[in-house]
N, C-alpha and C. Protein backbone atom coordinates (compact mmCIF):
# COMPACT_ATOMS: atom_id res chain seq x y z
N MET A 1 114.09 112.96 79.54
CA MET A 1 113.15 113.69 78.73
C MET A 1 112.95 115.11 79.28
N ILE A 2 112.88 115.27 80.61
CA ILE A 2 112.70 116.59 81.19
C ILE A 2 113.87 117.48 80.83
N VAL A 3 115.09 116.98 80.99
CA VAL A 3 116.27 117.78 80.69
C VAL A 3 116.30 118.18 79.23
N ARG A 4 115.96 117.28 78.36
CA ARG A 4 115.96 117.58 76.93
C ARG A 4 114.98 118.71 76.61
N SER A 5 113.79 118.68 77.18
CA SER A 5 112.80 119.70 76.89
C SER A 5 113.11 121.03 77.59
N ILE A 6 113.78 121.00 78.73
CA ILE A 6 114.07 122.24 79.46
C ILE A 6 115.27 122.98 78.86
N LYS A 7 116.10 122.30 78.11
CA LYS A 7 117.28 122.94 77.51
C LYS A 7 116.91 124.08 76.58
N LYS A 8 115.69 124.12 76.08
CA LYS A 8 115.29 125.19 75.16
C LYS A 8 115.10 126.53 75.88
N TYR A 9 115.00 126.49 77.21
CA TYR A 9 114.84 127.73 77.98
C TYR A 9 116.19 128.35 78.28
N ASN A 10 116.26 129.66 78.20
CA ASN A 10 117.49 130.38 78.51
C ASN A 10 117.17 131.40 79.59
N TRP A 11 117.51 131.06 80.81
CA TRP A 11 117.23 131.93 81.93
C TRP A 11 118.52 132.51 82.51
N LYS A 12 119.53 132.71 81.66
CA LYS A 12 120.77 133.32 82.14
C LYS A 12 120.46 134.71 82.69
N GLY A 13 121.12 135.02 83.80
CA GLY A 13 120.90 136.30 84.44
C GLY A 13 119.75 136.28 85.44
N LYS A 14 119.07 135.16 85.55
CA LYS A 14 117.98 135.01 86.51
C LYS A 14 118.47 134.18 87.69
N LYS A 15 117.78 134.34 88.83
CA LYS A 15 118.19 133.66 90.06
C LYS A 15 117.00 132.96 90.68
N VAL A 16 117.19 131.70 91.10
CA VAL A 16 116.15 130.94 91.79
C VAL A 16 116.67 130.51 93.17
N LEU A 17 115.81 130.67 94.16
CA LEU A 17 116.12 130.19 95.51
C LEU A 17 115.30 128.92 95.72
N ILE A 18 115.99 127.81 95.99
CA ILE A 18 115.33 126.55 96.28
C ILE A 18 115.41 126.32 97.79
N VAL A 19 114.24 126.19 98.42
CA VAL A 19 114.16 125.96 99.86
C VAL A 19 113.68 124.53 100.05
N GLU A 20 114.61 123.65 100.36
CA GLU A 20 114.32 122.21 100.42
C GLU A 20 115.27 121.56 101.41
N ASP A 21 114.71 120.83 102.39
CA ASP A 21 115.55 120.18 103.39
C ASP A 21 115.95 118.76 103.00
N ASP A 22 115.38 118.23 101.95
CA ASP A 22 115.74 116.90 101.47
C ASP A 22 116.84 117.03 100.41
N PRO A 23 118.04 116.54 100.69
CA PRO A 23 119.15 116.69 99.74
C PRO A 23 118.85 116.13 98.35
N ALA A 24 118.13 115.03 98.28
CA ALA A 24 117.80 114.45 96.98
C ALA A 24 116.90 115.38 96.18
N GLY A 25 115.93 115.99 96.84
CA GLY A 25 115.02 116.91 96.16
C GLY A 25 115.72 118.15 95.66
N SER A 26 116.55 118.75 96.50
CA SER A 26 117.26 119.96 96.06
C SER A 26 118.27 119.64 94.97
N PHE A 27 118.91 118.49 95.05
CA PHE A 27 119.86 118.09 94.00
C PHE A 27 119.14 117.91 92.67
N LEU A 28 118.02 117.22 92.69
CA LEU A 28 117.27 116.98 91.47
C LEU A 28 116.82 118.30 90.83
N LEU A 29 116.23 119.18 91.62
CA LEU A 29 115.79 120.47 91.09
C LEU A 29 116.94 121.29 90.53
N SER A 30 118.04 121.35 91.26
CA SER A 30 119.17 122.16 90.80
C SER A 30 119.81 121.57 89.55
N GLU A 31 119.85 120.26 89.43
CA GLU A 31 120.40 119.63 88.23
C GLU A 31 119.53 119.90 87.00
N ILE A 32 118.23 119.82 87.18
CA ILE A 32 117.33 120.10 86.06
C ILE A 32 117.44 121.56 85.64
N LEU A 33 117.42 122.46 86.61
CA LEU A 33 117.47 123.89 86.31
C LEU A 33 118.82 124.35 85.78
N ALA A 34 119.88 123.62 86.08
CA ALA A 34 121.22 123.99 85.61
C ALA A 34 121.27 124.07 84.08
N HIS A 35 120.44 123.31 83.43
CA HIS A 35 120.44 123.30 81.96
C HIS A 35 119.80 124.55 81.36
N THR A 36 119.21 125.39 82.17
CA THR A 36 118.58 126.61 81.67
C THR A 36 119.51 127.82 81.78
N GLY A 37 120.61 127.66 82.52
CA GLY A 37 121.52 128.78 82.74
C GLY A 37 121.17 129.63 83.95
N ILE A 38 120.09 129.29 84.65
CA ILE A 38 119.68 130.06 85.82
C ILE A 38 120.65 129.83 86.98
N GLU A 39 120.87 130.85 87.79
CA GLU A 39 121.70 130.70 88.98
C GLU A 39 120.85 130.11 90.10
N VAL A 40 121.31 129.04 90.71
CA VAL A 40 120.56 128.34 91.74
C VAL A 40 121.21 128.60 93.11
N ILE A 41 120.37 129.00 94.07
CA ILE A 41 120.80 129.16 95.45
C ILE A 41 119.99 128.15 96.26
N LEU A 42 120.66 127.37 97.10
CA LEU A 42 120.00 126.35 97.91
C LEU A 42 120.06 126.71 99.39
N VAL A 43 118.93 126.59 100.07
CA VAL A 43 118.89 126.70 101.52
C VAL A 43 118.02 125.57 102.05
N GLU A 44 118.19 125.25 103.33
CA GLU A 44 117.51 124.07 103.89
C GLU A 44 116.40 124.38 104.87
N ASP A 45 116.27 125.63 105.33
CA ASP A 45 115.18 125.90 106.27
C ASP A 45 114.54 127.26 106.01
N GLY A 46 113.40 127.45 106.67
CA GLY A 46 112.60 128.65 106.43
C GLY A 46 113.29 129.94 106.79
N GLN A 47 113.95 129.98 107.93
CA GLN A 47 114.62 131.22 108.34
C GLN A 47 115.76 131.56 107.39
N GLU A 48 116.49 130.54 106.93
CA GLU A 48 117.54 130.78 105.94
C GLU A 48 116.96 131.40 104.68
N ALA A 49 115.78 130.94 104.27
CA ALA A 49 115.13 131.48 103.06
C ALA A 49 114.80 132.96 103.23
N VAL A 50 114.23 133.30 104.37
CA VAL A 50 113.89 134.70 104.64
C VAL A 50 115.16 135.55 104.65
N ASN A 51 116.19 135.08 105.34
CA ASN A 51 117.46 135.82 105.41
C ASN A 51 118.09 135.98 104.03
N MET A 52 118.05 134.92 103.22
CA MET A 52 118.64 134.98 101.89
C MET A 52 117.90 135.99 101.01
N CYS A 53 116.59 136.03 101.11
CA CYS A 53 115.82 136.98 100.30
C CYS A 53 116.07 138.42 100.73
N LYS A 54 116.36 138.63 102.00
CA LYS A 54 116.72 139.97 102.46
C LYS A 54 118.09 140.37 101.94
N LYS A 55 119.00 139.40 101.89
CA LYS A 55 120.38 139.64 101.46
C LYS A 55 120.48 139.77 99.94
N GLU A 56 119.86 138.85 99.23
CA GLU A 56 119.92 138.82 97.76
C GLU A 56 118.63 139.41 97.20
N LYS A 57 118.64 140.68 96.90
CA LYS A 57 117.42 141.38 96.46
C LYS A 57 117.01 141.02 95.03
N ASP A 58 117.88 140.35 94.28
CA ASP A 58 117.58 140.09 92.88
C ASP A 58 117.15 138.65 92.60
N ILE A 59 116.59 137.97 93.59
CA ILE A 59 116.06 136.62 93.38
C ILE A 59 114.76 136.74 92.60
N ASP A 60 114.67 136.00 91.50
CA ASP A 60 113.51 136.09 90.62
C ASP A 60 112.37 135.16 91.02
N ILE A 61 112.71 134.00 91.58
CA ILE A 61 111.67 133.03 91.95
C ILE A 61 112.15 132.21 93.15
N VAL A 62 111.20 131.82 93.99
CA VAL A 62 111.49 130.97 95.14
C VAL A 62 110.69 129.68 94.98
N LEU A 63 111.38 128.55 94.97
CA LEU A 63 110.74 127.24 94.98
C LEU A 63 110.82 126.74 96.41
N LEU A 64 109.66 126.62 97.05
CA LEU A 64 109.61 126.43 98.49
C LEU A 64 108.87 125.16 98.86
N ASP A 65 109.57 124.30 99.58
CA ASP A 65 108.94 123.14 100.21
C ASP A 65 108.10 123.69 101.36
N MET A 66 106.88 123.24 101.49
CA MET A 66 105.99 123.80 102.50
C MET A 66 106.24 123.24 103.90
N GLN A 67 107.07 122.20 104.01
CA GLN A 67 107.40 121.64 105.32
C GLN A 67 108.91 121.60 105.49
N VAL A 68 109.47 122.75 105.84
CA VAL A 68 110.91 122.84 106.06
C VAL A 68 111.17 123.19 107.52
N PRO A 69 112.35 122.85 108.03
CA PRO A 69 112.69 123.18 109.42
C PRO A 69 112.68 124.69 109.66
N GLY A 70 112.44 125.07 110.87
CA GLY A 70 112.52 126.48 111.25
C GLY A 70 111.18 127.17 111.28
N MET A 71 110.41 127.02 110.23
CA MET A 71 109.07 127.59 110.15
C MET A 71 108.36 126.96 108.96
N SER A 72 107.06 127.03 108.96
CA SER A 72 106.33 126.41 107.84
C SER A 72 106.54 127.22 106.56
N GLY A 73 106.33 126.58 105.46
CA GLY A 73 106.42 127.28 104.17
C GLY A 73 105.43 128.42 104.08
N TYR A 74 104.27 128.27 104.71
CA TYR A 74 103.27 129.34 104.72
C TYR A 74 103.80 130.56 105.47
N ASP A 75 104.47 130.32 106.59
CA ASP A 75 105.06 131.43 107.33
C ASP A 75 106.18 132.10 106.55
N VAL A 76 106.96 131.30 105.83
CA VAL A 76 108.02 131.86 104.97
C VAL A 76 107.39 132.78 103.93
N CYS A 77 106.35 132.29 103.27
CA CYS A 77 105.66 133.10 102.25
C CYS A 77 105.14 134.41 102.85
N LYS A 78 104.54 134.31 104.01
CA LYS A 78 103.99 135.49 104.68
C LYS A 78 105.10 136.51 104.96
N GLN A 79 106.21 136.04 105.50
CA GLN A 79 107.32 136.96 105.80
C GLN A 79 107.92 137.57 104.53
N LEU A 80 108.05 136.75 103.48
CA LEU A 80 108.60 137.27 102.23
C LEU A 80 107.68 138.35 101.66
N LYS A 81 106.38 138.12 101.74
CA LYS A 81 105.41 139.08 101.24
C LYS A 81 105.47 140.37 102.05
N GLU A 82 105.60 140.25 103.38
CA GLU A 82 105.69 141.43 104.25
C GLU A 82 106.97 142.24 103.97
N ASN A 83 108.06 141.54 103.66
CA ASN A 83 109.34 142.21 103.42
C ASN A 83 109.50 142.71 101.99
N GLU A 84 108.51 142.42 101.15
CA GLU A 84 108.60 142.77 99.74
C GLU A 84 108.69 144.28 99.52
N ASN A 85 108.05 145.05 100.36
CA ASN A 85 108.00 146.51 100.16
C ASN A 85 109.14 147.22 100.80
């Protein structure tokens, strides 16, 4: 049902960064979002997320698990906010 309802969205040209250390969780999110046309980037820890956002300046949204290896999700958010400017 989720996939059927999400197919109406067209997010081609948009990019999402999924920060999730559980393979099942990241797989599920990426499979659902694949039906929208959005480009999905997967990383498994907080430092990777920060590095990826520095490298890929055109990420539109970050879906962040708050308990990932490397640093807390709160610290990731703080660093991303500081690097935004």
